[in-house]
């Protein structure tokens, strides 16, 4: 059995621009909502300065563009102006494989921070999960 990670063969944004479909060479397909990708951005906005930030108010965010970064990642630009997160292919795979658990963790973090999906805002939290 190979230790190599399945490689993305297609990243597609459907006309509604509310998701990214990632197809891998092993046949796996992940359907990742734009809101999910936005609130779990790997950028310094969420992960910088020693503590993670919970990002609220991103329901309805759309993808504006996908830019390749070398042969290992993409930079996603969103219609709210955020465009600094570099999503490695490994991170996209993790987000796909752990979609349900990470989404529930995000919803729990929102509630704990007294934020919601409709009202913009951020609150810090101690780092506990990825």
Foldseek 3Di string as FASTA:
>chain_A
DDPDDFDWPDWDQPPLQQWIWTATPVGDIFTGGPLLCVQPFPDCQAVNDQWGKQWAAAVPKGWPDWADDPRFWIFTAIPVGDTPGTQGPVNVVVCRVCVVVVVVVSVVVCVVVVGHRRDTDMDIDHDDDD
